[in-house]
Amino acid sequence: MLEMLAAAAPEAAAAAPAVASKLHVGLAAIGSALGVGIIGMKAAEATGRNPDAAGDIRTQAIIFAALAEGVVFIAIFLG
């Protein structure tokens, strides 16, 4: 078992910089997904409290969700 790990160590060491260079994209995607989920949750709560303002709430939710998703695109293009 240790021989297999020792044989794979050079390949793993060679792949480590590639994985580390894309780690920021994954973290940005996780953060963006959480942000969009929270935006949707709060927009649904606000619409439930005040149905007459549903159009304004929806517009603001779409704008803020787009801004949250923009973080992922910036991370992709920088990486």
PDB file of N, CA and C in Angstrom:
ATOM      1  N   MET A   1       0.823  -1.189   0.000  1.00  0.00           N
ATOM      2  CA  MET A   1       0.000   0.000   0.000  1.00  0.00           C
ATOM      3  C   MET A   1       0.867   1.253   0.000  1.00  0.00           C
ATOM      4  N   LEU A   2       1.896   1.255   0.836  1.00  0.00           N
ATOM      5  CA  LEU A   2       2.786   2.410   0.888  1.00  0.00           C
ATOM      6  C   LEU A   2       3.566   2.577  -0.411  1.00  0.00           C
ATOM      7  N   GLU A   3       3.846   1.452  -1.082  1.00  0.00           N
ATOM      8  CA  GLU A   3       4.560   1.544  -2.348  1.00  0.00           C
ATOM      9  C   GLU A   3       3.706   2.260  -3.390  1.00  0.00           C
ATOM     10  N   MET A   4       2.391   1.981  -3.367  1.00  0.00           N
ATOM     11  CA  MET A   4       1.493   2.651  -4.320  1.00  0.00           C
ATOM     12  C   MET A   4       1.444   4.149  -4.044  1.00  0.00           C
ATOM     13  N   LEU A   5       1.366   4.526  -2.779  1.00  0.00           N
ATOM     14  CA  LEU A   5       1.341   5.943  -2.431  1.00  0.00           C
ATOM     15  C   LEU A   5       2.656   6.622  -2.790  1.00  0.00           C
ATOM     16  N   ALA A   6       3.762   5.932  -2.557  1.00  0.00           N
ATOM     17  CA  ALA A   6       5.062   6.503  -2.895  1.00  0.00           C
ATOM     18  C   ALA A   6       5.210   6.666  -4.401  1.00  0.00           C
ATOM     19  N   ALA A   7       4.647   5.738  -5.167  1.00  0.00           N
ATOM     20  CA  ALA A   7       4.726   5.840  -6.625  1.00  0.00           C
ATOM     21  C   ALA A   7       3.859   6.977  -7.154  1.00  0.00           C
ATOM     22  N   ALA A   8       2.768   7.274  -6.476  1.00  0.00           N
ATOM     23  CA  ALA A   8       1.860   8.329  -6.930  1.00  0.00           C
ATOM     24  C   ALA A   8       2.261   9.707  -6.419  1.00  0.00           C
ATOM     25  N   ALA A   9       3.216   9.782  -5.519  1.00  0.00           N
ATOM     26  CA  ALA A   9       3.591  11.066  -4.923  1.00  0.00           C
ATOM     27  C   ALA A   9       4.103  12.082  -5.938  1.00  0.00           C
ATOM     28  N   PRO A  10       4.942  11.711  -6.900  1.00  0.00           N
ATOM     29  CA  PRO A  10       5.398  12.732  -7.865  1.00  0.00           C
ATOM     30  C   PRO A  10       4.266  13.310  -8.713  1.00  0.00           C
ATOM     31  N   GLU A  11       3.324  12.470  -9.111  1.00  0.00           N
ATOM     32  CA  GLU A  11       2.190  12.963  -9.888  1.00  0.00           C
ATOM     33  C   GLU A  11       1.311  13.885  -9.052  1.00  0.00           C
ATOM     34  N   ALA A  12       1.119  13.536  -7.792  1.00  0.00           N
ATOM     35  CA  ALA A  12       0.316  14.378  -6.907  1.00  0.00           C
ATOM     36  C   ALA A  12       1.010  15.713  -6.663  1.00  0.00           C
ATOM     37  N   ALA A  13       2.315  15.687  -6.518  1.00  0.00           N
ATOM     38  CA  ALA A  13       3.056  16.934  -6.321  1.00  0.00           C
ATOM     39  C   ALA A  13       2.999  17.807  -7.567  1.00  0.00           C
ATOM     40  N   ALA A  14       2.980  17.188  -8.735  1.00  0.00           N
ATOM     41  CA  ALA A  14       2.899  17.960  -9.977  1.00  0.00           C
ATOM     42  C   ALA A  14       1.511  18.560 -10.167  1.00  0.00           C
ATOM     43  N   ALA A  15       0.482  17.892  -9.668  1.00  0.00           N
ATOM     44  CA  ALA A  15      -0.890  18.380  -9.839  1.00  0.00           C
ATOM     45  C   ALA A  15      -1.287  19.398  -8.780  1.00  0.00           C
ATOM     46  N   ALA A  16      -0.553  19.486  -7.701  1.00  0.00           N
ATOM     47  CA  ALA A  16      -0.927  20.379  -6.601  1.00  0.00           C
ATOM     48  C   ALA A  16      -1.017  21.848  -7.011  1.00  0.00           C
ATOM     49  N   PRO A  17      -0.092  22.395  -7.796  1.00  0.00           N
ATOM     50  CA  PRO A  17      -0.242  23.813  -8.189  1.00  0.00           C
ATOM     51  C   PRO A  17      -1.488  24.078  -9.032  1.00  0.00           C
ATOM     52  N   ALA A  18      -1.854  23.128  -9.879  1.00  0.00           N
ATOM     53  CA  ALA A  18      -3.055  23.310 -10.701  1.00  0.00           C
ATOM     54  C   ALA A  18      -4.307  23.326  -9.835  1.00  0.00           C
ATOM     55  N   VAL A  19      -4.343  22.465  -8.843  1.00  0.00           N
ATOM     56  CA  VAL A  19      -5.499  22.428  -7.942  1.00  0.00           C
ATOM     57  C   VAL A  19      -5.548  23.695  -7.097  1.00  0.00           C
ATOM     58  N   ALA A  20      -4.420  24.114  -6.603  1.00  0.00           N
ATOM     59  CA  ALA A  20      -4.378  25.305  -5.752  1.00  0.00           C
ATOM     60  C   ALA A  20      -4.740  26.558  -6.532  1.00  0.00           C
ATOM     61  N   SER A  21      -4.396  26.595  -7.820  1.00  0.00           N
ATOM     62  CA  SER A  21      -4.692  27.794  -8.604  1.00  0.00           C
ATOM     63  C   SER A  21      -6.185  27.926  -8.901  1.00  0.00           C
ATOM     64  N   LYS A  22      -6.923  26.861  -8.830  1.00  0.00           N
ATOM     65  CA  LYS A  22      -8.365  26.909  -9.098  1.00  0.00           C
ATOM     66  C   LYS A  22      -9.206  26.829  -7.832  1.00  0.00           C
ATOM     67  N   LEU A  23      -8.572  26.804  -6.699  1.00  0.00           N
ATOM     68  CA  LEU A  23      -9.298  26.720  -5.438  1.00  0.00           C
ATOM     69  C   LEU A  23     -10.157  27.954  -5.207  1.00  0.00           C
ATOM     70  N   HIS A  24      -9.678  29.112  -5.618  1.00  0.00           N
ATOM     71  CA  HIS A  24     -10.442  30.340  -5.408  1.00  0.00           C
ATOM     72  C   HIS A  24     -11.739  30.340  -6.207  1.00  0.00           C
ATOM     73  N   VAL A  25     -11.752  29.664  -7.350  1.00  0.00           N
ATOM     74  CA  VAL A  25     -12.984  29.593  -8.144  1.00  0.00           C
ATOM     75  C   VAL A  25     -14.033  28.768  -7.406  1.00  0.00           C
ATOM     76  N   GLY A  26     -13.627  27.662  -6.829  1.00  0.00           N
ATOM     77  CA  GLY A  26     -14.558  26.834  -6.073  1.00  0.00           C
ATOM     78  C   GLY A  26     -15.100  27.535  -4.844  1.00  0.00           C
ATOM     79  N   LEU A  27     -14.229  28.236  -4.142  1.00  0.00           N
ATOM     80  CA  LEU A  27     -14.686  28.966  -2.958  1.00  0.00           C
ATOM     81  C   LEU A  27     -15.628  30.100  -3.339  1.00  0.00           C
ATOM     82  N   ALA A  28     -15.339  30.776  -4.447  1.00  0.00           N
ATOM     83  CA  ALA A  28     -16.235  31.840  -4.908  1.00  0.00           C
ATOM     84  C   ALA A  28     -17.585  31.268  -5.317  1.00  0.00           C
ATOM     85  N   ALA A  29     -17.582  30.096  -5.938  1.00  0.00           N
ATOM     86  CA  ALA A  29     -18.842  29.475  -6.349  1.00  0.00           C
ATOM     87  C   ALA A  29     -19.679  29.071  -5.142  1.00  0.00           C
ATOM     88  N   ILE A  30     -19.030  28.544  -4.122  1.00  0.00           N
ATOM     89  CA  ILE A  30     -19.765  28.172  -2.908  1.00  0.00           C
ATOM     90  C   ILE A  30     -20.363  29.404  -2.245  1.00  0.00           C
ATOM     91  N   GLY A  31     -19.574  30.455  -2.126  1.00  0.00           N
ATOM     92  CA  GLY A  31     -20.073  31.687  -1.524  1.00  0.00           C
ATOM     93  C   GLY A  31     -21.202  32.303  -2.315  1.00  0.00           C
ATOM     94  N   SER A  32     -21.082  32.262  -3.628  1.00  0.00           N
ATOM     95  CA  SER A  32     -22.129  32.821  -4.479  1.00  0.00           C
ATOM     96  C   SER A  32     -23.415  32.007  -4.375  1.00  0.00           C
ATOM     97  N   ALA A  33     -23.285  30.697  -4.329  1.00  0.00           N
ATOM     98  CA  ALA A  33     -24.474  29.852  -4.205  1.00  0.00           C
ATOM     99  C   ALA A  33     -25.193  30.111  -2.887  1.00  0.00           C
ATOM    100  N   LEU A  34     -24.433  30.255  -1.826  1.00  0.00           N
ATOM    101  CA  LEU A  34     -25.055  30.581  -0.536  1.00  0.00           C
ATOM    102  C   LEU A  34     -25.719  31.951  -0.579  1.00  0.00           C
ATOM    103  N   GLY A  35     -25.053  32.905  -1.200  1.00  0.00           N
ATOM    104  CA  GLY A  35     -25.615  34.251  -1.292  1.00  0.00           C
ATOM    105  C   GLY A  35     -26.903  34.296  -2.083  1.00  0.00           C
ATOM    106  N   VAL A  36     -26.931  33.608  -3.214  1.00  0.00           N
ATOM    107  CA  VAL A  36     -28.146  33.591  -4.032  1.00  0.00           C
ATOM    108  C   VAL A  36     -29.275  32.884  -3.290  1.00  0.00           C
ATOM    109  N   GLY A  37     -28.956  31.828  -2.562  1.00  0.00           N
ATOM    110  CA  GLY A  37     -29.979  31.145  -1.774  1.00  0.00           C
ATOM    111  C   GLY A  37     -30.566  32.029  -0.691  1.00  0.00           C
ATOM    112  N   ILE A  38     -29.711  32.774  -0.022  1.00  0.00           N
ATOM    113  CA  ILE A  38     -30.197  33.683   1.023  1.00  0.00           C
ATOM    114  C   ILE A  38     -31.023  34.806   0.412  1.00  0.00           C
ATOM    115  N   ILE A  39     -30.590  35.315  -0.742  1.00  0.00           N
ATOM    116  CA  ILE A  39     -31.362  36.360  -1.426  1.00  0.00           C
ATOM    117  C   ILE A  39     -32.757  35.850  -1.769  1.00  0.00           C
ATOM    118  N   GLY A  40     -32.835  34.642  -2.311  1.00  0.00           N
ATOM    119  CA  GLY A  40     -34.138  34.071  -2.644  1.00  0.00           C
ATOM    120  C   GLY A  40     -35.007  33.856  -1.422  1.00  0.00           C
ATOM    121  N   MET A  41     -34.395  33.388  -0.343  1.00  0.00           N
ATOM    122  CA  MET A  41     -35.148  33.160   0.890  1.00  0.00           C
ATOM    123  C   MET A  41     -35.724  34.463   1.430  1.00  0.00           C
ATOM    124  N   LYS A  42     -34.889  35.485   1.486  1.00  0.00           N
ATOM    125  CA  LYS A  42     -35.349  36.765   2.028  1.00  0.00           C
ATOM    126  C   LYS A  42     -36.353  37.438   1.099  1.00  0.00           C
ATOM    127  N   ALA A  43     -36.200  37.256  -0.214  1.00  0.00           N
ATOM    128  CA  ALA A  43     -37.177  37.825  -1.148  1.00  0.00           C
ATOM    129  C   ALA A  43     -38.534  37.149  -0.973  1.00  0.00           C
ATOM    130  N   ALA A  44     -38.533  35.837  -0.764  1.00  0.00           N
ATOM    131  CA  ALA A  44     -39.795  35.135  -0.536  1.00  0.00           C
ATOM    132  C   ALA A  44     -40.443  35.583   0.775  1.00  0.00           C
ATOM    133  N   GLU A  45     -39.631  35.775   1.806  1.00  0.00           N
ATOM    134  CA  GLU A  45     -40.169  36.268   3.082  1.00  0.00           C
ATOM    135  C   GLU A  45     -40.769  37.659   2.923  1.00  0.00           C
ATOM    136  N   ALA A  46     -40.053  38.530   2.216  1.00  0.00           N
ATOM    137  CA  ALA A  46     -40.531  39.902   2.042  1.00  0.00           C
ATOM    138  C   ALA A  46     -41.803  39.940   1.209  1.00  0.00           C
ATOM    139  N   THR A  47     -41.894  39.089   0.201  1.00  0.00           N
ATOM    140  CA  THR A  47     -43.106  39.033  -0.611  1.00  0.00           C
ATOM    141  C   THR A  47     -44.274  38.504   0.203  1.00  0.00           C
ATOM    142  N   GLY A  48     -44.012  37.568   1.094  1.00  0.00           N
ATOM    143  CA  GLY A  48     -45.067  37.061   1.965  1.00  0.00           C
ATOM    144  C   GLY A  48     -45.578  38.111   2.934  1.00  0.00           C
ATOM    145  N   ARG A  49     -44.686  38.963   3.413  1.00  0.00           N
ATOM    146  CA  ARG A  49     -45.095  40.022   4.336  1.00  0.00           C
ATOM    147  C   ARG A  49     -45.833  41.146   3.627  1.00  0.00           C
ATOM    148  N   ASN A  50     -45.403  41.463   2.391  1.00  0.00           N
ATOM    149  CA  ASN A  50     -45.983  42.592   1.669  1.00  0.00           C
ATOM    150  C   ASN A  50     -46.190  42.206   0.204  1.00  0.00           C
ATOM    151  N   PRO A  51     -47.290  41.521  -0.109  1.00  0.00           N
ATOM    152  CA  PRO A  51     -47.509  41.056  -1.483  1.00  0.00           C
ATOM    153  C   PRO A  51     -47.646  42.190  -2.503  1.00  0.00           C
ATOM    154  N   ASP A  52     -48.044  43.376  -2.059  1.00  0.00           N
ATOM    155  CA  ASP A  52     -48.198  44.485  -3.000  1.00  0.00           C
ATOM    156  C   ASP A  52     -46.858  44.957  -3.564  1.00  0.00           C
ATOM    157  N   ALA A  53     -45.779  44.717  -2.855  1.00  0.00           N
ATOM    158  CA  ALA A  53     -44.456  45.151  -3.301  1.00  0.00           C
ATOM    159  C   ALA A  53     -43.685  44.034  -3.996  1.00  0.00           C
ATOM    160  N   ALA A  54     -44.385  43.016  -4.476  1.00  0.00           N
ATOM    161  CA  ALA A  54     -43.717  41.855  -5.062  1.00  0.00           C
ATOM    162  C   ALA A  54     -42.853  42.230  -6.261  1.00  0.00           C
ATOM    163  N   GLY A  55     -43.324  43.143  -7.090  1.00  0.00           N
ATOM    164  CA  GLY A  55     -42.547  43.532  -8.270  1.00  0.00           C
ATOM    165  C   GLY A  55     -41.229  44.192  -7.911  1.00  0.00           C
ATOM    166  N   ASP A  56     -41.271  45.117  -6.961  1.00  0.00           N
ATOM    167  CA  ASP A  56     -40.042  45.790  -6.529  1.00  0.00           C
ATOM    168  C   ASP A  56     -39.084  44.818  -5.847  1.00  0.00           C
ATOM    169  N   ILE A  57     -39.634  43.932  -5.043  1.00  0.00           N
ATOM    170  CA  ILE A  57     -38.798  42.950  -4.341  1.00  0.00           C
ATOM    171  C   ILE A  57     -38.133  42.022  -5.345  1.00  0.00           C
ATOM    172  N   ARG A  58     -38.894  41.575  -6.333  1.00  0.00           N
ATOM    173  CA  ARG A  58     -38.349  40.681  -7.349  1.00  0.00           C
ATOM    174  C   ARG A  58     -37.221  41.364  -8.123  1.00  0.00           C
ATOM    175  N   THR A  59     -37.431  42.620  -8.484  1.00  0.00           N
ATOM    176  CA  THR A  59     -36.409  43.353  -9.234  1.00  0.00           C
ATOM    177  C   THR A  59     -35.122  43.472  -8.429  1.00  0.00           C
ATOM    178  N   GLN A  60     -35.241  43.837  -7.172  1.00  0.00           N
ATOM    179  CA  GLN A  60     -34.053  43.961  -6.332  1.00  0.00           C
ATOM    180  C   GLN A  60     -33.373  42.614  -6.124  1.00  0.00           C
ATOM    181  N   ALA A  61     -34.164  41.557  -5.968  1.00  0.00           N
ATOM    182  CA  ALA A  61     -33.582  40.228  -5.768  1.00  0.00           C
ATOM    183  C   ALA A  61     -32.803  39.791  -7.001  1.00  0.00           C
ATOM    184  N   ILE A  62     -33.327  40.061  -8.187  1.00  0.00           N
ATOM    185  CA  ILE A  62     -32.627  39.685  -9.418  1.00  0.00           C
ATOM    186  C   ILE A  62     -31.324  40.463  -9.550  1.00  0.00           C
ATOM    187  N   ILE A  63     -31.360  41.753  -9.236  1.00  0.00           N
ATOM    188  CA  ILE A  63     -30.146  42.570  -9.328  1.00  0.00           C
ATOM    189  C   ILE A  63     -29.079  42.061  -8.363  1.00  0.00           C
ATOM    190  N   PHE A  64     -29.467  41.810  -7.118  1.00  0.00           N
ATOM    191  CA  PHE A  64     -28.481  41.358  -6.137  1.00  0.00           C
ATOM    192  C   PHE A  64     -27.988  39.940  -6.433  1.00  0.00           C
ATOM    193  N   ALA A  65     -28.843  39.081  -6.979  1.00  0.00           N
ATOM    194  CA  ALA A  65     -28.394  37.742  -7.359  1.00  0.00           C
ATOM    195  C   ALA A  65     -27.385  37.827  -8.500  1.00  0.00           C
ATOM    196  N   ALA A  66     -27.619  38.730  -9.444  1.00  0.00           N
ATOM    197  CA  ALA A  66     -26.663  38.906 -10.541  1.00  0.00           C
ATOM    198  C   ALA A  66     -25.325  39.419 -10.018  1.00  0.00           C
ATOM    199  N   LEU A  67     -25.355  40.318  -9.056  1.00  0.00           N
ATOM    200  CA  LEU A  67     -24.103  40.805  -8.468  1.00  0.00           C
ATOM    201  C   LEU A  67     -23.366  39.680  -7.739  1.00  0.00           C
ATOM    202  N   ALA A  68     -24.109  38.829  -7.052  1.00  0.00           N
ATOM    203  CA  ALA A  68     -23.477  37.707  -6.348  1.00  0.00           C
ATOM    204  C   ALA A  68     -22.875  36.719  -7.337  1.00  0.00           C
ATOM    205  N   GLU A  69     -23.545  36.474  -8.452  1.00  0.00           N
ATOM    206  CA  GLU A  69     -23.015  35.568  -9.465  1.00  0.00           C
ATOM    207  C   GLU A  69     -21.822  36.174 -10.184  1.00  0.00           C
ATOM    208  N   GLY A  70     -21.782  37.490 -10.238  1.00  0.00           N
ATOM    209  CA  GLY A  70     -20.655  38.157 -10.887  1.00  0.00           C
ATOM    210  C   GLY A  70     -19.332  37.860 -10.216  1.00  0.00           C
ATOM    211  N   VAL A  71     -19.365  37.587  -8.930  1.00  0.00           N
ATOM    212  CA  VAL A  71     -18.139  37.256  -8.202  1.00  0.00           C
ATOM    213  C   VAL A  71     -17.506  35.991  -8.774  1.00  0.00           C
ATOM    214  N   VAL A  72     -18.322  35.012  -9.134  1.00  0.00           N
ATOM    215  CA  VAL A  72     -17.797  33.766  -9.697  1.00  0.00           C
ATOM    216  C   VAL A  72     -17.150  34.031 -11.048  1.00  0.00           C
ATOM    217  N   PHE A  73     -17.787  34.838 -11.874  1.00  0.00           N
ATOM    218  CA  PHE A  73     -17.216  35.126 -13.185  1.00  0.00           C
ATOM    219  C   PHE A  73     -15.896  35.881 -13.058  1.00  0.00           C
ATOM    220  N   ILE A  74     -15.821  36.790 -12.114  1.00  0.00           N
ATOM    221  CA  ILE A  74     -14.558  37.499 -11.884  1.00  0.00           C
ATOM    222  C   ILE A  74     -13.480  36.516 -11.431  1.00  0.00           C
ATOM    223  N   ALA A  75     -13.834  35.594 -10.549  1.00  0.00           N
ATOM    224  CA  ALA A  75     -12.863  34.597 -10.083  1.00  0.00           C
ATOM    225  C   ALA A  75     -12.402  33.698 -11.226  1.00  0.00           C
ATOM    226  N   ILE A  76     -13.317  33.338 -12.125  1.00  0.00           N
ATOM    227  CA  ILE A  76     -12.942  32.496 -13.264  1.00  0.00           C
ATOM    228  C   ILE A  76     -11.983  33.242 -14.182  1.00  0.00           C
ATOM    229  N   PHE A  77     -12.283  34.491 -14.478  1.00  0.00           N
ATOM    230  CA  PHE A  77     -11.445  35.237 -15.411  1.00  0.00           C
ATOM    231  C   PHE A  77     -10.098  35.608 -14.801  1.00  0.00           C
ATOM    232  N   LEU A  78     -10.037  35.801 -13.497  1.00  0.00           N
ATOM    233  CA  LEU A  78      -8.761  36.106 -12.862  1.00  0.00           C
ATOM    234  C   LEU A  78      -7.891  34.863 -12.696  1.00  0.00           C
ATOM    235  N   GLY A  79      -8.532  33.707 -12.637  1.00  0.00           N
ATOM    236  CA  GLY A  79      -7.784  32.484 -12.390  1.00  0.00           C
ATOM    237  C   GLY A  79      -7.389  31.808 -13.636  1.00  0.00           C
TER     238      GLY A  79
END
